[in-house]
Amino acid sequence: MTTPIWRKLMMAGALAGLMSASFHGLAEDASNLTLTFQEPEKFTDIRPANESRARFRERTLAGFERIFEEFAAELPEGYQWQVTVTDIDLAGDVNPMYSRTGQDIRVVKDLYSPRVAFTHVLRDGYGEQVAAGDENLRDMGFLQSPRMVGPRHQELRYEYTMLKRWFERDLMPQIEAHQAKLPKVSE
């Protein structure tokens, strides 16, 4: 008796799904980023305009996870980065006064600049501290600065631009300086 083609396809799909899940798990276990949000319910401003607070907070924090994961992917192999986000104040302000219907909308003006506060420790593959600090980033000129955003971070474009600028201007030079002072080993 031969196995019908549809059953073979279902089994192949299930096997592929299992293999994908196991590879996905391996990639997550090997991650060089440990990201924590410290009491996100107390953050200054993660207020939704037209959706539930919980759903908006979850979506916003997932967006910040993607941002920090993107930066962590740029770190040298073996580096471990621990980040604890302690506060977020999104660009703009939620206000019903600007809406004709009286519904809340997020109004983005110079007055409502983005701010992200976090602590971090970056270690190299030997466990030596490369960089650490308490960061309190605010971009007062966020509407005048050029944006470095792709479609992946469109929703948090102002926050992404501010964090990207910090990463390239402050953290990457510390990494380069650390690597320059390490002894060179010939193969």
Protein backbone atom coordinates (compact mmCIF):
# COMPACT_ATOMS: atom_id res chain seq x y z
CA MET A 1 0.00 0.00 0.00
CA THR A 2 1.45 3.36 -0.99
CA THR A 3 1.17 6.51 1.08
CA PRO A 4 -0.97 9.22 -0.55
CA ILE A 5 0.94 12.30 -1.74
CA TRP A 6 -1.01 14.64 0.54
CA ARG A 7 0.08 12.63 3.58
CA LYS A 8 3.73 12.78 2.44
CA LEU A 9 3.45 16.54 1.99
CA MET A 10 1.91 16.98 5.44
CA MET A 11 4.66 14.89 7.03
CA ALA A 12 7.35 16.84 5.17
CA GLY A 13 5.77 20.12 6.27
CA ALA A 14 5.58 18.99 9.88
CA LEU A 15 9.21 17.85 9.79
CA ALA A 16 10.29 21.15 8.27
CA GLY A 17 8.36 23.00 10.98
CA LEU A 18 10.05 21.00 13.72
CA MET A 19 13.47 21.58 12.21
CA SER A 20 12.75 25.29 11.87
CA ALA A 21 11.58 25.51 15.47
CA SER A 22 14.69 23.75 16.74
CA PHE A 23 16.99 26.00 14.70
CA HIS A 24 15.05 29.04 15.92
CA GLY A 25 15.54 27.88 19.50
CA LEU A 26 19.26 27.47 18.92
CA ALA A 27 19.55 30.96 17.51
CA GLU A 28 17.76 32.41 20.51
CA ASP A 29 19.94 30.46 22.95
CA ALA A 30 23.07 31.77 21.23
CA SER A 31 21.87 35.38 21.35
CA ASN A 32 24.38 37.94 22.50
CA LEU A 33 21.71 40.28 23.90
CA THR A 34 19.93 40.14 27.23
CA LEU A 35 17.20 42.79 27.17
CA THR A 36 14.99 43.62 30.16
CA PHE A 37 12.25 46.20 30.56
CA GLN A 38 12.16 47.36 34.18
CA GLU A 39 8.56 48.03 35.22
CA PRO A 40 7.25 49.03 31.77
CA GLU A 41 3.84 49.84 33.21
CA LYS A 42 5.52 52.83 34.93
CA PHE A 43 7.27 54.18 31.82
CA THR A 44 6.67 57.89 31.23
CA ASP A 45 4.84 57.57 27.92
CA ILE A 46 3.76 54.40 26.19
CA ARG A 47 0.20 55.62 25.76
CA PRO A 48 -1.90 54.36 22.89
CA ALA A 49 -4.05 56.57 20.76
CA ASN A 50 -6.71 54.13 19.58
CA GLU A 51 -6.03 50.69 21.02
CA SER A 52 -5.79 48.98 24.38
CA ARG A 53 -2.91 49.99 26.65
CA ALA A 54 -1.71 46.40 27.07
CA ARG A 55 -1.65 45.66 23.34
CA PHE A 56 0.07 48.96 22.50
CA ARG A 57 2.68 48.47 25.25
CA GLU A 58 3.36 44.92 24.05
CA ARG A 59 3.74 46.05 20.43
CA THR A 60 5.95 49.00 21.41
CA LEU A 61 8.24 46.89 23.60
CA ALA A 62 8.52 44.33 20.79
CA GLY A 63 9.61 47.18 18.53
CA PHE A 64 12.34 48.17 20.99
CA GLU A 65 13.42 44.51 21.18
CA ARG A 66 13.87 44.49 17.39
CA ILE A 67 15.91 47.69 17.58
CA PHE A 68 18.30 46.39 20.24
CA GLU A 69 18.54 43.00 18.49
CA GLU A 70 19.57 44.78 15.29
CA PHE A 71 22.32 46.62 17.15
CA ALA A 72 23.46 43.44 18.94
CA ALA A 73 23.81 41.73 15.56
CA GLU A 74 26.47 44.35 14.68
CA LEU A 75 28.61 43.49 17.70
CA PRO A 76 31.79 41.43 17.25
CA GLU A 77 31.46 37.69 17.67
CA GLY A 78 31.50 36.53 21.28
CA TYR A 79 30.40 39.86 22.76
CA GLN A 80 27.56 39.83 25.31
CA TRP A 81 25.37 42.88 25.84
CA GLN A 82 23.05 43.28 28.81
CA VAL A 83 20.54 46.12 28.52
CA THR A 84 17.87 47.15 31.04
CA VAL A 85 15.44 49.75 29.74
CA THR A 86 14.31 51.85 32.69
CA ASP A 87 12.08 54.44 30.98
CA ILE A 88 10.58 55.32 27.61
CA ASP A 89 8.94 58.56 26.58
CA LEU A 90 7.76 58.18 22.99
CA ALA A 91 7.94 61.07 20.55
CA GLY A 92 4.73 63.05 20.58
CA ASP A 93 1.93 63.25 23.09
CA VAL A 94 -1.47 61.59 23.14
CA ASN A 95 -4.17 64.26 23.17
CA PRO A 96 -7.87 64.30 22.25
CA MET A 97 -7.90 68.06 21.66
CA TYR A 98 -6.46 67.80 18.14
CA SER A 99 -9.06 65.35 16.91
CA ARG A 100 -12.41 66.37 15.44
CA THR A 101 -14.02 63.25 16.91
CA GLY A 102 -12.63 63.69 20.41
CA GLN A 103 -10.64 60.44 20.15
CA ASP A 104 -7.08 60.38 21.40
CA ILE A 105 -4.40 60.88 18.75
CA ARG A 106 -0.60 61.11 19.07
CA VAL A 107 0.51 64.62 18.18
CA VAL A 108 4.17 64.89 17.17
CA LYS A 109 5.72 68.32 17.75
CA ASP A 110 9.19 69.58 18.73
CA LEU A 111 7.90 70.06 22.25
CA TYR A 112 7.35 66.29 22.72
CA SER A 113 10.81 64.85 22.07
CA PRO A 114 11.60 61.14 22.44
CA ARG A 115 13.57 59.88 25.43
CA VAL A 116 14.90 56.44 26.31
CA ALA A 117 16.71 55.66 29.56
CA PHE A 118 18.64 52.42 30.03
CA THR A 119 21.61 50.83 31.72
CA HIS A 120 23.94 48.52 29.85
CA VAL A 121 27.05 46.40 30.17
CA LEU A 122 28.96 45.10 27.16
CA ARG A 123 31.52 42.32 27.61
CA ASP A 124 33.88 40.75 25.14
CA GLY A 125 34.28 37.01 24.55
CA TYR A 126 36.62 36.74 27.56
CA GLY A 127 34.14 38.41 29.92
CA GLU A 128 36.11 41.67 30.09
CA GLN A 129 33.94 44.77 30.33
CA VAL A 130 34.15 46.81 27.14
CA ALA A 131 31.54 49.45 27.92
CA ALA A 132 28.91 50.21 30.55
CA GLY A 133 26.74 53.09 31.57
CA ASP A 134 23.47 54.67 32.57
CA GLU A 135 22.15 56.31 29.43
CA ASN A 136 19.39 58.90 29.33
CA LEU A 137 19.01 59.77 25.66
CA ARG A 138 16.78 62.60 24.48
CA ASP A 139 16.66 64.03 20.96
CA MET A 140 15.41 67.61 21.20
CA GLY A 141 15.90 68.18 17.44
CA PHE A 142 14.26 64.94 16.36
CA LEU A 143 12.04 66.59 13.74
CA GLN A 144 14.99 68.37 12.08
CA SER A 145 17.42 65.45 11.94
CA PRO A 146 17.61 63.07 8.97
CA ARG A 147 16.06 59.71 9.72
CA MET A 148 17.90 56.40 9.40
CA VAL A 149 14.82 54.24 9.24
CA GLY A 150 13.84 51.23 7.25
CA PRO A 151 10.33 49.83 7.10
CA ARG A 152 11.07 47.53 10.04
CA HIS A 153 11.26 50.44 12.48
CA GLN A 154 8.83 52.89 10.90
CA GLU A 155 6.56 52.99 13.94
CA LEU A 156 9.42 53.97 16.28
CA ARG A 157 11.34 56.00 13.71
CA TYR A 158 12.31 58.87 16.03
CA GLU A 159 13.39 56.57 18.85
CA TYR A 160 15.27 54.31 16.42
CA THR A 161 17.15 57.25 14.92
CA MET A 162 18.16 58.53 18.36
CA LEU A 163 19.32 55.07 19.52
CA LYS A 164 21.13 54.35 16.25
CA ARG A 165 23.02 57.63 16.49
CA TRP A 166 24.07 56.80 20.09
CA PHE A 167 25.11 53.28 19.07
CA GLU A 168 27.30 54.49 16.20
CA ARG A 169 28.68 57.62 17.90
CA ASP A 170 29.22 56.34 21.45
CA LEU A 171 29.26 52.54 21.70
CA MET A 172 31.01 51.50 18.47
CA PRO A 173 34.11 53.68 19.13
CA GLN A 174 34.48 52.03 22.55
CA ILE A 175 34.37 48.62 20.89
CA GLU A 176 36.94 49.68 18.29
CA ALA A 177 39.26 51.07 20.99
CA HIS A 178 38.93 47.87 23.00
CA GLN A 179 39.73 45.70 20.00
CA ALA A 180 42.72 47.88 19.08
CA LYS A 181 44.36 47.31 22.47
CA LEU A 182 43.87 43.52 22.42
CA PRO A 183 47.01 41.54 21.57
CA LYS A 184 47.06 40.25 18.01
CA VAL A 185 47.36 36.48 17.69
CA SER A 186 48.78 35.07 14.49
CA GLU A 187 47.46 31.82 13.12
